[in-house]
Amino acid sequence: MVDEHALLLPDGSPAPEVALEEMNQVHAEELARVRQLLQVLEDNRPAQEQARAWLEHTRFHFDNEKGLMAEAGFPPLPIHVAEHDQIWLQMEQQVGDYCQHQQGSKLAGWIRQVWVPWFVQHVNSMDRVTAQFVQQQRVQRK
């Protein structure tokens, strides 16, 4: 069973955290889906269900962050959303290729070599700044 509350990268190392617990929770859920998907792929079992669940959760994740940014009036919202859009297109392509050709090692390699570094960089930059801004806006509105 995959722990959806653990903020862990696929290699078991801690993932970066941000100032908003609700964002950390969504990140933990996404990372749990990624770890589960990688486990199924590495076991050479069919993983279409896990791959689609990852995409579905990522869409929720990105829409949720966009809503937080819009609500707080986050000025660089378009830049943050553009980063989401860019990786989203790659994710859709990679999962689509996997579902069509069943090349689990290709998808697993892409996740480890492209998505994980992107995720860490994105959380450490865009999400960190976003969380701080949203948190400050909430404090100021009280």
Protein backbone atom coordinates (compact mmCIF):
# COMPACT_ATOMS: atom_id res chain seq x y z
CA MET A 1 0.00 0.00 0.00
CA VAL A 2 1.30 3.45 -0.93
CA ASP A 3 1.19 6.11 1.79
CA GLU A 4 -0.60 9.12 0.30
CA HIS A 5 0.49 11.31 3.20
CA ALA A 6 4.23 10.79 2.78
CA LEU A 7 5.96 13.64 1.00
CA LEU A 8 8.52 11.34 -0.62
CA LEU A 9 10.07 11.27 -4.07
CA PRO A 10 10.11 7.95 -5.97
CA ASP A 11 13.63 7.20 -4.69
CA GLY A 12 12.39 7.53 -1.09
CA SER A 13 14.09 10.86 -0.42
CA PRO A 14 12.06 13.71 1.08
CA ALA A 15 10.30 15.97 -1.38
CA PRO A 16 10.46 19.73 -0.95
CA GLU A 17 7.74 21.35 1.13
CA VAL A 18 6.04 24.72 0.85
CA ALA A 19 4.36 27.09 3.32
CA LEU A 20 0.80 25.84 2.66
CA GLU A 21 -0.10 22.44 4.08
CA GLU A 22 -2.92 22.02 1.55
CA MET A 23 -0.38 22.25 -1.28
CA ASN A 24 1.93 19.80 0.50
CA GLN A 25 -0.98 17.37 0.83
CA VAL A 26 -1.78 17.53 -2.89
CA HIS A 27 1.90 17.06 -3.68
CA ALA A 28 2.05 14.03 -1.36
CA GLU A 29 -0.99 12.51 -3.08
CA GLU A 30 0.56 13.06 -6.50
CA LEU A 31 3.88 11.58 -5.44
CA ALA A 32 2.04 8.54 -4.03
CA ARG A 33 0.43 8.01 -7.43
CA VAL A 34 3.81 8.33 -9.14
CA ARG A 35 5.44 5.84 -6.76
CA GLN A 36 2.58 3.40 -7.31
CA LEU A 37 2.75 3.82 -11.10
CA LEU A 38 6.51 3.25 -11.10
CA GLN A 39 6.13 0.13 -8.97
CA VAL A 40 3.59 -1.36 -11.38
CA LEU A 41 5.72 -0.42 -14.40
CA GLU A 42 8.85 -1.88 -12.84
CA ASP A 43 6.95 -5.10 -12.06
CA ASN A 44 6.12 -5.29 -15.80
CA ARG A 45 2.40 -5.27 -15.07
CA PRO A 46 -0.20 -3.30 -17.05
CA ALA A 47 -0.33 0.24 -15.65
CA GLN A 48 -2.90 2.08 -17.76
CA GLU A 49 -5.18 2.53 -14.75
CA GLN A 50 -2.38 3.97 -12.60
CA ALA A 51 -1.14 6.18 -15.45
CA ARG A 52 -4.62 7.62 -16.03
CA ALA A 53 -5.12 8.13 -12.27
CA TRP A 54 -1.86 10.10 -12.22
CA LEU A 55 -3.06 12.30 -15.08
CA GLU A 56 -6.43 12.81 -13.40
CA HIS A 57 -4.82 13.79 -10.11
CA THR A 58 -2.36 16.10 -11.86
CA ARG A 59 -5.24 17.91 -13.57
CA PHE A 60 -6.85 18.38 -10.13
CA HIS A 61 -3.47 19.49 -8.69
CA PHE A 62 -2.89 22.10 -11.39
CA ASP A 63 -6.49 23.39 -11.34
CA ASN A 64 -6.35 23.65 -7.54
CA GLU A 65 -3.14 25.69 -7.62
CA LYS A 66 -4.53 27.92 -10.35
CA GLY A 67 -7.57 28.58 -8.15
CA LEU A 68 -5.39 29.43 -5.14
CA MET A 69 -3.34 31.83 -7.24
CA ALA A 70 -6.39 33.50 -8.77
CA GLU A 71 -8.08 33.89 -5.38
CA ALA A 72 -4.96 35.50 -3.91
CA GLY A 73 -4.33 37.75 -6.92
CA PHE A 74 -0.91 36.17 -7.55
CA PRO A 75 0.74 38.39 -10.19
CA PRO A 76 2.90 35.71 -11.91
CA LEU A 77 -0.10 33.34 -12.31
CA PRO A 78 0.34 33.15 -16.13
CA ILE A 79 3.99 32.12 -15.78
CA HIS A 80 3.17 29.44 -13.20
CA VAL A 81 0.28 28.11 -15.30
CA ALA A 82 2.53 28.06 -18.39
CA GLU A 83 4.93 25.74 -16.55
CA HIS A 84 2.02 23.47 -15.66
CA ASP A 85 0.80 23.50 -19.25
CA GLN A 86 4.22 22.62 -20.61
CA ILE A 87 4.73 19.56 -18.39
CA TRP A 88 1.06 18.56 -18.78
CA LEU A 89 1.46 18.25 -22.55
CA GLN A 90 4.53 16.07 -22.05
CA MET A 91 2.72 13.92 -19.49
CA GLU A 92 -0.24 13.38 -21.81
CA GLN A 93 2.11 12.43 -24.63
CA GLN A 94 4.13 10.01 -22.51
CA VAL A 95 1.08 8.33 -20.98
CA GLY A 96 -0.61 8.16 -24.40
CA ASP A 97 2.48 6.53 -25.88
CA TYR A 98 2.57 4.05 -23.01
CA CYS A 99 -1.11 3.16 -23.37
CA GLN A 100 -0.63 2.59 -27.10
CA HIS A 101 2.72 0.78 -27.12
CA GLN A 102 3.02 -0.70 -23.59
CA GLN A 103 6.65 0.38 -23.19
CA GLY A 104 6.78 0.59 -19.42
CA SER A 105 10.51 1.15 -19.19
CA LYS A 106 10.20 4.18 -21.49
CA LEU A 107 7.50 5.79 -19.32
CA ALA A 108 9.34 4.91 -16.10
CA GLY A 109 12.55 6.39 -17.51
CA TRP A 110 10.78 9.59 -18.51
CA ILE A 111 9.20 9.94 -15.08
CA ARG A 112 12.53 9.48 -13.32
CA GLN A 113 14.67 11.52 -15.73
CA VAL A 114 12.27 14.34 -16.69
CA TRP A 115 9.22 14.55 -14.45
CA VAL A 116 10.89 14.09 -11.03
CA PRO A 117 13.56 16.78 -11.66
CA TRP A 118 10.86 19.07 -13.06
CA PHE A 119 8.66 18.48 -10.01
CA VAL A 120 11.48 19.22 -7.54
CA GLN A 121 12.55 22.36 -9.41
CA HIS A 122 8.96 23.55 -9.78
CA VAL A 123 8.11 23.05 -6.10
CA ASN A 124 11.36 24.71 -5.01
CA SER A 125 10.71 27.76 -7.18
CA MET A 126 7.17 28.41 -8.42
CA ASP A 127 5.24 26.57 -5.72
CA ARG A 128 7.37 27.91 -2.87
CA VAL A 129 6.77 31.52 -3.98
CA THR A 130 3.10 30.84 -4.66
CA ALA A 131 2.53 29.30 -1.22
CA GLN A 132 4.27 32.19 0.53
CA PHE A 133 2.20 34.74 -1.39
CA VAL A 134 -1.10 32.93 -0.75
CA GLN A 135 -0.27 32.55 2.93
CA GLN A 136 0.59 36.27 3.23
CA GLN A 137 -2.65 37.24 1.49
CA ARG A 138 -4.67 35.09 3.87
CA VAL A 139 -2.97 36.63 6.92
CA GLN A 140 -3.57 40.15 5.60
CA ARG A 141 -7.28 39.45 5.00
CA LYS A 142 -7.87 38.34 8.60
